[in-house]
């Protein structure tokens, strides 16, 4: 008796093997011809690429520590960005901003200036790629128009591909969000109310100009210094432990290194400061600490018992923001 002919299965359906695979709806048949839904076939790789977390999204950019600080620590701040190929016609300047009105991802002003919001939620696990997508769309937007949220292509450019790696990155910290408007003093109605709400929620913050990633802030009970550092984490923890055990981890009288947190792949040590200690008062102690830290980072001797205890204490007080 002849064998029954087996019905054609999904796996035996001829599949597309060449050319760029178009993106379709998750429940639609995959364009490759496998017979499976897109989300279970080629869409799976696209989704994984879109959600995979990049631990250090700003690595390779000038001022990586300041990028992290503007993302996590600074309420109101801006920084001018320099593009690799120069500015397109009609765009006088591109600025990074911590936050934009209505949480817009980007805005192109009437005069052509482009503002990019840094503290927005992003669609994927790569903040750099998402911001590059927003920047690209903002450069092409009509003047006077905000840019809506979107999803960057998994193989789209990143900020590292668009920005000049040799240009200086100099953040400017503002007391409030008046930079949103060309004429903030004459704002009225809902715009004025929104500006007032944003300003009232902003914690007074200042950048230590001589130390990359170091930011002072004022709180009701104590002031703080939060310092984003790009040193390898294990090496930095050892160095901080050496200084802490020796009583050299502070920034002067009544100051204390209280712990650290991780943000975008970098460590951020935090100091408690007296409420009377201003940002200007931090400049000299921070410079002195930077020298002590450099010496401690260069030490390779095994940690002593006291230094190991100090390291354990610092590790136990460490949290991760992203």
Protein backbone atom coordinates (compact mmCIF):
# COMPACT_ATOMS: atom_id res chain seq x y z
CA UNK A 1 0.00 0.00 0.00
CA UNK A 2 1.34 3.36 -0.91
CA UNK A 3 2.16 5.72 1.92
CA UNK A 4 -0.22 8.56 2.55
CA UNK A 5 1.03 11.88 1.31
CA UNK A 6 1.88 14.08 4.27
CA UNK A 7 0.23 17.50 4.23
CA UNK A 8 2.51 20.45 3.75
CA UNK A 9 3.54 21.88 7.12
CA UNK A 10 4.42 25.40 8.08
CA UNK A 11 8.05 24.42 8.30
CA UNK A 12 8.03 23.18 4.72
CA UNK A 13 6.58 26.41 3.33
CA UNK A 14 9.17 28.14 1.15
CA UNK A 15 10.78 30.90 3.15
CA UNK A 16 12.18 34.23 2.13
CA UNK A 17 15.89 34.16 2.77
CA UNK A 18 17.20 37.29 1.08
CA UNK A 19 16.49 40.99 1.25
CA UNK A 20 15.50 43.22 4.15
CA UNK A 21 12.63 41.78 6.20
CA UNK A 22 9.75 44.29 6.41
CA UNK A 23 8.10 44.98 9.76
CA UNK A 24 4.44 43.94 10.06
CA UNK A 25 1.92 43.58 12.88
CA UNK A 26 2.80 41.13 15.65
CA UNK A 27 -0.12 38.80 14.79
CA UNK A 28 0.29 38.98 11.02
CA UNK A 29 2.03 36.21 9.05
CA UNK A 30 5.78 36.71 8.95
CA UNK A 31 6.93 38.10 5.58
CA UNK A 32 9.60 35.39 5.40
CA UNK A 33 6.90 32.87 4.42
CA UNK A 34 7.35 30.52 7.37
CA UNK A 35 3.63 30.50 8.08
CA UNK A 36 4.18 31.61 11.66
CA UNK A 37 3.07 34.90 13.15
CA UNK A 38 5.61 37.71 12.92
CA UNK A 39 6.00 37.93 16.71
CA UNK A 40 6.98 34.24 16.87
CA UNK A 41 9.38 34.43 13.94
CA UNK A 42 11.50 37.35 12.76
CA UNK A 43 9.66 39.73 15.08
CA UNK A 44 11.17 37.93 18.05
CA UNK A 45 14.69 39.09 17.16
CA UNK A 46 13.45 42.62 16.48
CA UNK A 47 11.69 42.76 19.85
CA UNK A 48 14.77 41.45 21.64
CA UNK A 49 16.96 44.08 19.98
CA UNK A 50 14.48 46.78 20.97
CA UNK A 51 14.27 45.77 24.64
CA UNK A 52 17.82 44.65 25.42
CA UNK A 53 19.19 46.93 28.11
CA UNK A 54 22.35 48.84 27.29
CA UNK A 55 24.11 49.23 30.64
CA UNK A 56 26.14 52.33 29.67
CA UNK A 57 24.12 54.11 26.96
CA UNK A 58 26.28 57.27 27.07
CA UNK A 59 29.66 55.49 26.97
CA UNK A 60 31.95 57.03 24.36
CA UNK A 61 30.25 60.43 24.43
CA UNK A 62 32.20 63.44 25.72
CA UNK A 63 31.12 64.10 29.31
CA UNK A 64 29.53 60.71 29.97
CA UNK A 65 29.30 61.48 33.69
CA UNK A 66 27.46 64.74 33.01
CA UNK A 67 25.04 62.96 30.65
CA UNK A 68 24.15 60.59 33.49
CA UNK A 69 23.79 63.50 35.92
CA UNK A 70 21.48 65.41 33.57
CA UNK A 71 19.41 62.27 33.14
CA UNK A 72 19.12 61.41 36.86
CA UNK A 73 20.16 64.29 39.13
CA UNK A 74 19.52 67.70 37.59
CA UNK A 75 15.97 69.13 37.53
CA UNK A 76 16.57 71.96 35.06
CA UNK A 77 19.59 71.93 32.78
CA UNK A 78 20.68 72.27 29.17
CA UNK A 79 23.78 71.56 27.08
CA UNK A 80 24.57 72.47 23.49
CA UNK A 81 25.20 69.50 21.20
CA UNK A 82 27.60 69.43 18.25
CA UNK A 83 26.69 67.21 15.31
CA UNK A 84 29.35 65.34 13.34
CA UNK A 85 28.33 66.74 9.98
CA UNK A 86 27.42 70.20 11.17
CA UNK A 87 23.95 71.69 11.53
CA UNK A 88 21.35 71.34 8.77
CA UNK A 89 20.16 74.48 7.04
CA UNK A 90 17.61 76.33 9.15
CA UNK A 91 18.77 74.81 12.47
CA UNK A 92 20.84 77.42 14.36
CA UNK A 93 21.54 75.24 17.40
CA UNK A 94 20.71 71.87 18.97
CA UNK A 95 20.35 71.71 22.74
CA UNK A 96 19.86 68.86 25.17
CA UNK A 97 17.36 69.67 27.94
CA UNK A 98 16.57 67.72 31.08
CA UNK A 99 12.80 68.18 30.63
CA UNK A 100 10.58 69.86 28.05
CA UNK A 101 7.00 71.18 28.42
CA UNK A 102 4.32 68.46 28.38
CA UNK A 103 7.16 65.89 28.57
CA UNK A 104 7.69 66.27 24.82
CA UNK A 105 10.58 64.13 23.52
CA UNK A 106 11.76 67.07 21.41
CA UNK A 107 10.71 70.48 20.19
CA UNK A 108 11.68 72.60 17.22
CA UNK A 109 11.18 76.27 18.00
CA UNK A 110 9.82 78.83 15.58
CA UNK A 111 13.38 80.04 14.97
CA UNK A 112 14.50 76.52 14.02
CA UNK A 113 16.32 75.74 17.28
CA UNK A 114 16.01 72.09 18.33
CA UNK A 115 15.56 71.00 21.95
CA UNK A 116 15.84 67.31 22.96
CA UNK A 117 14.35 66.07 26.26
CA UNK A 118 16.61 63.68 28.17
CA UNK A 119 14.50 62.56 31.14
CA UNK A 120 11.60 61.04 29.18
CA UNK A 121 10.71 57.36 29.24
CA UNK A 122 12.19 55.56 26.24
CA UNK A 123 10.74 52.86 24.03
CA UNK A 124 13.67 50.44 24.21
CA UNK A 125 16.55 49.47 26.44
CA UNK A 126 18.99 51.73 24.58
CA UNK A 127 18.49 55.36 25.59
CA UNK A 128 21.18 56.45 23.15
CA UNK A 129 19.40 54.93 20.15
CA UNK A 130 16.04 56.31 21.23
CA UNK A 131 17.44 59.82 21.65
CA UNK A 132 19.19 59.61 18.28
CA UNK A 133 15.87 58.73 16.68
CA UNK A 134 14.19 61.70 18.38
CA UNK A 135 17.03 63.99 17.32
CA UNK A 136 16.85 62.85 13.70
CA UNK A 137 13.10 63.46 13.55
CA UNK A 138 13.42 66.83 15.32
CA UNK A 139 15.97 68.07 12.77
CA UNK A 140 13.43 67.39 10.01
CA UNK A 141 10.38 68.72 11.89
CA UNK A 142 8.52 71.87 10.91
CA UNK A 143 9.52 74.93 12.97
CA UNK A 144 7.18 75.50 15.89
CA UNK A 145 6.28 71.81 16.21
CA UNK A 146 6.93 69.30 19.02
CA UNK A 147 8.14 65.78 18.20
CA UNK A 148 6.01 62.88 19.41
CA UNK A 149 7.33 59.70 21.01
CA UNK A 150 8.20 56.88 18.64
CA UNK A 151 10.12 53.62 18.39
CA UNK A 152 13.59 53.65 16.94
CA UNK A 153 14.61 51.00 14.44
CA UNK A 154 16.69 48.25 16.14
CA UNK A 155 19.55 49.01 13.75
CA UNK A 156 19.09 52.78 13.76
CA UNK A 157 21.87 55.24 14.64
CA UNK A 158 22.87 56.02 18.22
CA UNK A 159 23.98 59.34 19.68
CA UNK A 160 27.57 58.15 19.29
CA UNK A 161 26.97 58.01 15.52
CA UNK A 162 25.47 61.52 15.30
CA UNK A 163 27.44 63.66 17.76
CA UNK A 164 30.98 64.98 17.37
CA UNK A 165 33.14 62.89 19.76
CA UNK A 166 35.70 65.70 20.07
CA UNK A 167 33.31 68.54 20.92
CA UNK A 168 33.09 69.81 24.48
CA UNK A 169 29.97 68.92 26.47
CA UNK A 170 29.30 71.69 29.01
CA UNK A 171 26.04 71.48 30.96
CA UNK A 172 24.34 74.61 32.21
CA UNK A 173 22.22 74.21 35.33
CA UNK A 174 19.24 76.57 35.60
CA UNK A 175 17.30 77.70 38.66
CA UNK A 176 14.04 77.00 36.85
CA UNK A 177 12.50 76.12 33.52
CA UNK A 178 12.33 79.57 31.98
CA UNK A 179 14.50 78.24 29.15
CA UNK A 180 11.31 76.60 27.85
CA UNK A 181 10.07 79.96 26.61
CA UNK A 182 11.51 82.83 24.61
CA UNK A 183 9.72 85.33 26.87
CA UNK A 184 9.05 83.59 30.19
CA UNK A 185 8.51 86.85 32.08
CA UNK A 186 5.36 87.61 30.08
CA UNK A 187 3.91 84.09 30.16
CA UNK A 188 0.22 83.95 31.06
CA UNK A 189 -2.58 81.47 31.62
CA UNK A 190 -1.92 77.74 31.46
CA UNK A 191 1.67 78.23 30.26
CA UNK A 192 2.50 80.41 33.26
CA UNK A 193 0.80 77.96 35.64
CA UNK A 194 2.70 75.00 34.17
CA UNK A 195 5.99 76.89 34.50
CA UNK A 196 5.23 77.79 38.11
CA UNK A 197 4.44 74.16 39.00
CA UNK A 198 7.66 72.92 37.41
CA UNK A 199 9.76 75.56 39.16
CA UNK A 200 8.20 74.86 42.56
CA UNK A 201 9.12 71.16 42.30
CA UNK A 202 12.74 71.73 41.29
CA UNK A 203 15.39 71.07 43.94
CA UNK A 204 18.10 73.80 43.96
CA UNK A 205 21.08 72.23 42.19
CA UNK A 206 24.50 73.43 41.05
CA UNK A 207 27.36 71.87 39.10
CA UNK A 208 30.94 71.92 40.37
CA UNK A 209 32.63 73.34 37.29
CA UNK A 210 36.06 71.79 37.95
CA UNK A 211 34.81 68.24 38.58
CA UNK A 212 33.01 66.32 35.85
CA UNK A 213 29.78 64.76 37.09
CA UNK A 214 29.77 66.46 40.54
CA UNK A 215 26.51 68.18 41.55
CA UNK A 216 25.53 69.92 44.77
CA UNK A 217 21.88 70.06 45.79
CA UNK A 218 19.92 71.68 48.62
CA UNK A 219 17.28 69.84 50.64
CA UNK A 220 15.27 70.98 53.67
CA UNK A 221 17.40 69.17 56.28
CA UNK A 222 20.85 68.70 54.74
CA UNK A 223 22.60 69.49 51.51
CA UNK A 224 24.23 66.79 49.40
CA UNK A 225 26.98 66.26 46.86
CA UNK A 226 26.29 63.56 44.28
CA UNK A 227 29.27 62.74 42.10
CA UNK A 228 28.97 60.54 38.99
CA UNK A 229 32.26 58.69 38.40
CA UNK A 230 33.35 56.63 35.41
CA UNK A 231 36.03 54.54 37.18
CA UNK A 232 35.52 50.74 37.10
CA UNK A 233 33.15 49.92 39.95
CA UNK A 234 35.28 47.37 41.81
CA UNK A 235 38.36 49.60 41.63
CA UNK A 236 36.37 52.62 42.77
CA UNK A 237 34.83 50.73 45.69
CA UNK A 238 38.29 49.63 46.83
CA UNK A 239 39.59 53.21 46.62
CA UNK A 240 36.62 54.64 48.52
CA UNK A 241 37.01 51.94 51.16
CA UNK A 242 40.69 52.82 51.66
CA UNK A 243 39.81 56.50 52.12
CA UNK A 244 36.83 55.74 54.36
CA UNK A 245 38.85 53.49 56.66
CA UNK A 246 41.54 56.17 56.90
CA UNK A 247 39.01 58.89 57.74
CA UNK A 248 39.75 60.68 54.45
CA UNK A 249 36.46 60.14 52.60
CA UNK A 250 34.75 63.32 53.80
CA UNK A 251 34.64 66.80 52.31
CA UNK A 252 35.33 68.73 55.49
CA UNK A 253 33.78 69.21 58.92
CA UNK A 254 30.30 67.73 59.40
CA UNK A 255 30.38 66.02 56.00
CA UNK A 256 30.08 62.28 55.47
CA UNK A 257 30.24 59.80 52.61
CA UNK A 258 26.92 58.02 53.16
CA UNK A 259 26.85 55.56 50.27
CA UNK A 260 26.39 55.40 46.53
CA UNK A 261 24.02 54.32 43.80
CA UNK A 262 24.42 53.04 40.26
CA UNK A 263 22.99 54.89 37.27
CA UNK A 264 23.44 53.86 33.63
CA UNK A 265 26.45 51.70 34.43
CA UNK A 266 28.29 54.27 36.56
CA UNK A 267 28.72 54.68 40.32
CA UNK A 268 27.48 57.83 42.06
CA UNK A 269 28.94 58.36 45.57
CA UNK A 270 26.82 60.61 47.80
CA UNK A 271 27.92 62.89 50.64
CA UNK A 272 25.82 64.51 53.35
CA UNK A 273 26.71 68.16 53.82
CA UNK A 274 25.72 70.76 56.43
CA UNK A 275 22.76 72.92 55.36
CA UNK A 276 25.10 75.93 55.46
CA UNK A 277 27.55 74.43 52.93
CA UNK A 278 26.98 75.93 49.48
CA UNK A 279 28.13 74.74 46.08
CA UNK A 280 30.94 77.28 46.18
CA UNK A 281 32.03 75.91 49.56
CA UNK A 282 32.36 72.44 47.98
CA UNK A 283 34.84 73.45 45.28
CA UNK A 284 38.08 73.27 47.27
CA UNK A 285 37.18 70.17 49.35
CA UNK A 286 36.06 68.35 46.20
CA UNK A 287 39.35 69.16 44.44
CA UNK A 288 41.28 67.89 47.46
CA UNK A 289 39.20 64.71 47.56
CA UNK A 290 39.78 64.15 43.83
CA UNK A 291 43.54 64.11 44.47
CA UNK A 292 43.19 61.65 47.37
CA UNK A 293 40.94 59.45 45.26
CA UNK A 294 43.45 59.40 42.39
CA UNK A 295 46.15 58.19 44.79
CA UNK A 296 43.85 55.54 46.25
CA UNK A 297 42.85 54.33 42.78
CA UNK A 298 46.53 53.72 42.03
CA UNK A 299 47.04 51.53 45.10
CA UNK A 300 47.00 47.79 44.41
CA UNK A 301 47.81 46.40 47.87
CA UNK A 302 45.22 44.00 49.32
CA UNK A 303 42.59 45.69 51.49
CA UNK A 304 43.19 45.56 55.24
CA UNK A 305 40.54 44.23 57.61
CA UNK A 306 39.32 47.76 58.35
CA UNK A 307 39.21 48.58 54.65
CA UNK A 308 37.24 45.41 53.91
CA UNK A 309 34.70 46.37 56.56
CA UNK A 310 34.46 49.86 55.07
CA UNK A 311 33.95 48.36 51.62
CA UNK A 312 31.24 46.04 52.87
CA UNK A 313 29.43 48.98 54.45
CA UNK A 314 29.60 50.98 51.23
CA UNK A 315 28.38 48.02 49.19
CA UNK A 316 25.45 47.37 51.52
CA UNK A 317 24.30 50.96 51.11
CA UNK A 318 24.42 50.84 47.32
CA UNK A 319 21.30 50.90 45.17
CA UNK A 320 20.70 50.82 41.41
CA UNK A 321 18.54 53.40 39.62
CA UNK A 322 18.80 52.00 36.12
